[in-house]
Amino acid sequence: MKYTGRIGLPILAFISWMFLIFYSNLAYGNIDNIYIACAILYITFGWFLGKNYDIAKFYSEKDFLTQSYTRRYALNTLPKLLAKMDQKKKQLSLFVVDVDRFKQINDKYGHNMGDNVLKSIAALFKGCTKKPVFVTRWGGDEFLIVAPYTNKMDAYTIQSKIEAQLLELSMKFNLELSLSIGASVYPNDALEIDELITIADKNMYVIKHEKSYQQKSELVTTAPIR
């Protein structure tokens, strides 16, 4: 959680108090005790308001369950990031990630287990990346990972790290966890945010369908002959 409000508002209160001191000296030639009391009151109240501002801002930007950024934050931040990529002539990779068979986890093991899986997967994404990359809970069991200054090869490296760490997470939960990851790269694949997300989403569903087809094929292959 950032401390913008808790720092900014007390400073503003202190500046206001300094104005009162200046006025007191100018008007009366001394500093009355009332001004010292006002200083303490101003700064305390400023800190209180700043703290509440920071908390409200934090929860408006962060998903309560996974502590990832919210969809709203991503949509507000992406235009600025793309403008920065244009300015610096750099690329940006975007990943749409879906947790495979998440409903089955909820149905079989309960929603507490499902919540723990989502929290751990979000933590895994953060552990496999570093700033300025950020992770967004896009909705339900779907995540959006935004990676500025990242080309196609860098995107592949990030994806490989995630898949490797996922094996360890599967062993931790004693579950066969799987992710379908679709990626797109700005400006190579698209110039508009919506199109960039749509391409990554389509790529994710292609992978998901391929996995589903492969699983069905394995079931047919291993089914006993009657």
Foldseek 3Di string as FASTA:
>chain_A
DDQCQLPVQLVVLQVVLVVVVVVCCVPPVDDDVVSVVSNVVRNVVSNVVSVVVVVVVQPQQADPLQRFGEQVNCVVCVVVLLVVCVVVVAKKKKKKKAKPPLVVCCVPPNVVVSSVVLNVLSVLLPVLDDPPWGKYDHDDRMIMIIGTRADPVNVVSSVVSSVVVVVVVCVVSVHDIDMQMFMAMPPVQHSDPVSRVVRSVVSSVVSVVVVVVVVVVVCVVPPDDD
